[in-house]
Amino acid sequence: MKRCTIAFVLILSLLSVAAVGFNGCGKKNSITSITITPAEPYIAMLTAQQLFVTAIFSDGMRVLFWTQVTWQSSDNDVATVSSNGLVFAVKDGIAVITATDKAHPSITASVTVSVASLEITPASATISTGTSTQFTARAVFSAATSSIDPKNLTELVSWASTSTDVAVISNVTGSQGLATAGTTTGTTTITATYLATGLTGTTTLTVDP
């Protein structure tokens, strides 16, 4: 048990030394910029999304999950952000979330958080066997924020069909969202998911003889 304790303390000491190095002791390893992921977050109202910072140093080293930053939201009525980068969506709209390096206030990064719904059009569709139809996914905002244009996410979402016997839907570049009738008739649910945040929308597709 004593050996385990000593080993644990040694690990913590090494991590502390590394952290001191990361904080810019010496020109060779000084921080030059930070980035935030996901870079273009679309999230649903009343949900949370964790943001992460990557620190980039002058020698090219990249440190993931950099925590030495402060966070700020441009509009807390739309989205708040906690001290560890957890964003909470309050209502539809857009807020700019900014991270600032604690030791170097001039080093910042920002992302635009869109609080919206994922709408798939057409809302429902019917096709015949042997034919196809195109679906479109858009981030849309409520009537209260109608001044914000919808964002086309058709090529940025992952498409799925609950019954591939009824219809398959493409995720191939250049044909994303194109649904093609399968080998049987019936109805399938078409789902689009924005993988960066999990924002999801659904619609139905019916295949007739």
Protein backbone atom coordinates (compact mmCIF):
# COMPACT_ATOMS: atom_id res chain seq x y z
CA MET A 1 0.00 0.00 0.00
CA LYS A 2 2.87 2.33 0.87
CA ARG A 3 4.47 1.68 -2.55
CA CYS A 4 1.19 2.51 -4.31
CA THR A 5 0.93 5.77 -2.38
CA ILE A 6 4.49 6.77 -3.26
CA ALA A 7 3.88 5.91 -6.93
CA PHE A 8 0.67 7.96 -6.97
CA VAL A 9 2.43 10.97 -5.45
CA LEU A 10 5.22 10.62 -8.00
CA ILE A 11 2.72 10.62 -10.88
CA LEU A 12 1.04 13.75 -9.54
CA SER A 13 4.43 15.43 -9.22
CA LEU A 14 5.32 14.61 -12.81
CA LEU A 15 1.97 15.94 -14.01
CA SER A 16 2.55 19.15 -12.07
CA VAL A 17 5.96 19.59 -13.67
CA ALA A 18 4.44 19.01 -17.09
CA ALA A 19 1.72 21.56 -16.39
CA VAL A 20 4.31 24.16 -15.46
CA GLY A 21 6.03 23.52 -18.76
CA PHE A 22 2.77 23.91 -20.63
CA ASN A 23 2.19 27.29 -19.03
CA GLY A 24 4.90 28.86 -21.16
CA CYS A 25 8.17 28.46 -19.24
CA GLY A 26 10.62 28.90 -22.08
CA LYS A 27 10.04 30.21 -25.57
CA LYS A 28 10.31 26.77 -27.12
CA ASN A 29 7.04 25.63 -25.58
CA SER A 30 4.94 28.79 -25.28
CA ILE A 31 1.25 28.65 -26.06
CA THR A 32 0.31 30.35 -29.33
CA SER A 33 -3.39 29.66 -29.82
CA ILE A 34 -6.40 27.65 -28.68
CA THR A 35 -9.30 26.04 -30.51
CA ILE A 36 -12.75 24.89 -29.40
CA THR A 37 -14.61 21.72 -30.37
CA PRO A 38 -17.18 21.15 -31.61
CA ALA A 39 -16.45 24.04 -33.96
CA GLU A 40 -20.06 24.58 -35.07
CA PRO A 41 -22.42 23.39 -32.32
CA TYR A 42 -26.15 23.11 -33.04
CA ILE A 43 -28.08 22.06 -29.95
CA ALA A 44 -31.71 21.66 -28.93
CA MET A 45 -33.38 23.93 -26.40
CA LEU A 46 -33.06 22.79 -22.76
CA THR A 47 -30.14 20.48 -23.52
CA ALA A 48 -26.46 20.71 -22.58
CA GLN A 49 -23.32 20.41 -24.70
CA GLN A 50 -19.75 20.10 -23.48
CA LEU A 51 -17.15 22.22 -25.25
CA PHE A 52 -13.47 21.29 -25.23
CA VAL A 53 -10.34 23.39 -25.74
CA THR A 54 -7.14 22.32 -27.49
CA ALA A 55 -4.01 24.35 -26.77
CA ILE A 56 -1.43 24.74 -29.52
CA PHE A 57 2.19 25.54 -28.66
CA SER A 58 5.03 27.15 -30.57
CA ASP A 59 6.82 23.83 -31.08
CA GLY A 60 3.68 22.36 -32.72
CA MET A 61 2.56 20.37 -29.70
CA ARG A 62 -1.20 20.14 -29.21
CA VAL A 63 -2.66 19.58 -25.73
CA LEU A 64 -6.20 18.23 -25.71
CA PHE A 65 -8.75 19.08 -23.01
CA TRP A 66 -6.92 22.25 -22.00
CA THR A 67 -8.63 23.57 -18.86
CA GLN A 68 -6.63 26.73 -18.18
CA VAL A 69 -9.29 28.98 -19.69
CA THR A 70 -12.22 31.10 -18.67
CA TRP A 71 -15.57 30.92 -20.50
CA GLN A 72 -18.08 33.60 -21.48
CA SER A 73 -21.38 33.70 -23.39
CA SER A 74 -22.43 36.69 -25.48
CA ASP A 75 -26.10 36.08 -24.60
CA ASN A 76 -27.01 34.24 -21.42
CA ASP A 77 -30.68 34.45 -22.37
CA VAL A 78 -29.93 32.04 -25.25
CA ALA A 79 -27.14 29.89 -23.84
CA THR A 80 -25.11 29.89 -20.65
CA VAL A 81 -21.66 28.39 -20.19
CA SER A 82 -20.15 27.05 -16.98
CA SER A 83 -16.59 27.46 -15.74
CA ASN A 84 -15.67 24.10 -17.30
CA GLY A 85 -17.21 24.77 -20.73
CA LEU A 86 -20.60 23.10 -20.33
CA VAL A 87 -23.15 24.99 -22.44
CA PHE A 88 -26.83 24.94 -21.53
CA ALA A 89 -29.38 25.97 -24.19
CA VAL A 90 -32.02 28.25 -22.71
CA LYS A 91 -34.03 29.27 -25.78
CA ASP A 92 -33.82 29.37 -29.57
CA GLY A 93 -31.25 31.75 -30.95
CA ILE A 94 -27.52 32.29 -31.37
CA ALA A 95 -24.85 32.96 -28.75
CA VAL A 96 -21.11 33.29 -29.16
CA ILE A 97 -19.14 31.29 -26.60
CA THR A 98 -15.59 32.48 -25.98
CA ALA A 99 -12.70 30.77 -24.19
CA THR A 100 -9.78 32.87 -22.96
CA ASP A 101 -6.47 31.45 -21.81
CA LYS A 102 -5.95 32.37 -18.16
CA ALA A 103 -2.23 33.07 -18.44
CA HIS A 104 -2.47 34.82 -21.82
CA PRO A 105 -5.68 36.91 -22.03
CA SER A 106 -4.90 37.88 -25.62
CA ILE A 107 -5.27 34.24 -26.68
CA THR A 108 -8.94 33.48 -27.26
CA ALA A 109 -11.19 31.26 -29.34
CA SER A 110 -14.91 31.48 -30.06
CA VAL A 111 -17.68 29.32 -31.47
CA THR A 112 -21.22 30.25 -32.41
CA VAL A 113 -23.76 28.10 -30.60
CA SER A 114 -27.07 27.78 -32.43
CA VAL A 115 -30.01 26.69 -30.31
CA ALA A 116 -32.41 25.27 -32.85
CA SER A 117 -34.46 22.30 -34.03
CA LEU A 118 -33.44 19.91 -36.79
CA GLU A 119 -36.15 19.91 -39.45
CA ILE A 120 -36.31 17.33 -42.23
CA THR A 121 -38.21 18.16 -45.39
CA PRO A 122 -40.43 16.97 -46.82
CA ALA A 123 -42.20 16.30 -43.51
CA SER A 124 -43.38 13.02 -45.00
CA ALA A 125 -43.04 11.54 -48.45
CA THR A 126 -44.49 8.76 -50.55
CA ILE A 127 -42.69 7.16 -53.48
CA SER A 128 -43.19 4.15 -55.69
CA THR A 129 -40.96 1.09 -55.84
CA GLY A 130 -37.93 1.65 -58.02
CA THR A 131 -37.82 5.43 -57.41
CA SER A 132 -35.95 7.85 -55.14
CA THR A 133 -36.58 11.12 -53.29
CA GLN A 134 -34.32 13.75 -51.77
CA PHE A 135 -34.56 14.78 -48.10
CA THR A 136 -33.11 17.98 -46.69
CA ALA A 137 -32.05 18.68 -43.09
CA ARG A 138 -32.06 22.23 -41.74
CA ALA A 139 -31.44 23.86 -38.39
CA VAL A 140 -34.51 26.04 -37.88
CA PHE A 141 -35.41 28.56 -35.23
CA SER A 142 -38.69 29.45 -33.53
CA ALA A 143 -41.01 32.21 -34.72
CA ALA A 144 -39.53 34.48 -32.05
CA THR A 145 -36.18 34.29 -33.83
CA SER A 146 -37.49 34.30 -37.40
CA SER A 147 -34.85 36.86 -38.38
CA ILE A 148 -32.24 34.06 -38.22
CA ASP A 149 -32.04 32.17 -41.49
CA PRO A 150 -32.25 28.35 -41.35
CA LYS A 151 -28.96 26.54 -41.87
CA ASN A 152 -28.78 23.70 -44.39
CA LEU A 153 -27.16 20.70 -42.65
CA THR A 154 -28.00 18.05 -45.27
CA GLU A 155 -24.35 17.28 -45.94
CA LEU A 156 -23.31 17.54 -42.27
CA VAL A 157 -25.70 15.01 -40.71
CA SER A 158 -25.75 11.24 -40.61
CA TRP A 159 -28.81 9.75 -42.31
CA ALA A 160 -30.52 6.48 -41.35
CA SER A 161 -33.62 4.47 -42.26
CA THR A 162 -35.26 2.24 -39.67
CA SER A 163 -36.24 -0.27 -42.37
CA THR A 164 -33.71 -0.71 -45.14
CA ASP A 165 -36.01 -3.25 -46.78
CA VAL A 166 -38.46 -0.40 -47.38
CA ALA A 167 -35.88 2.29 -48.24
CA VAL A 168 -32.21 3.08 -47.90
CA ILE A 169 -30.83 6.60 -47.54
CA SER A 170 -27.43 7.79 -48.64
CA ASN A 171 -24.53 9.18 -46.61
CA VAL A 172 -22.25 9.22 -49.65
CA THR A 173 -20.68 12.59 -50.45
CA GLY A 174 -22.71 14.32 -53.14
CA SER A 175 -25.89 12.33 -52.52
CA GLN A 176 -26.51 12.73 -48.79
CA GLY A 177 -30.19 12.48 -47.92
CA LEU A 178 -31.20 10.69 -51.14
CA ALA A 179 -33.64 7.91 -50.23
CA THR A 180 -34.21 5.00 -52.59
CA ALA A 181 -37.05 2.51 -52.37
CA GLY A 182 -36.03 -0.95 -51.23
CA THR A 183 -37.37 -4.41 -51.92
CA THR A 184 -40.63 -4.19 -49.96
CA THR A 185 -43.48 -1.72 -49.58
CA GLY A 186 -44.35 -0.03 -46.31
CA THR A 187 -43.29 2.89 -44.15
CA THR A 188 -39.90 3.65 -42.65
CA THR A 189 -38.67 6.38 -40.34
CA ILE A 190 -35.92 8.59 -41.73
CA THR A 191 -33.55 10.06 -39.13
CA ALA A 192 -30.92 12.77 -39.49
CA THR A 193 -28.39 13.25 -36.68
CA TYR A 194 -25.86 16.06 -36.35
CA LEU A 195 -23.11 13.92 -34.88
CA ALA A 196 -21.11 16.74 -33.29
CA THR A 197 -23.90 17.40 -30.78
CA GLY A 198 -26.53 14.69 -31.25
CA LEU A 199 -29.22 17.08 -32.54
CA THR A 200 -31.78 14.85 -34.29
CA GLY A 201 -34.78 15.16 -36.57
CA THR A 202 -37.12 12.55 -38.03
CA THR A 203 -39.69 12.13 -40.78
CA THR A 204 -41.42 9.21 -42.53
CA LEU A 205 -41.16 7.71 -45.98
CA THR A 206 -43.80 5.43 -47.45
CA VAL A 207 -43.12 3.15 -50.40
CA ASP A 208 -46.16 2.12 -52.47
CA PRO A 209 -46.29 -0.51 -55.19
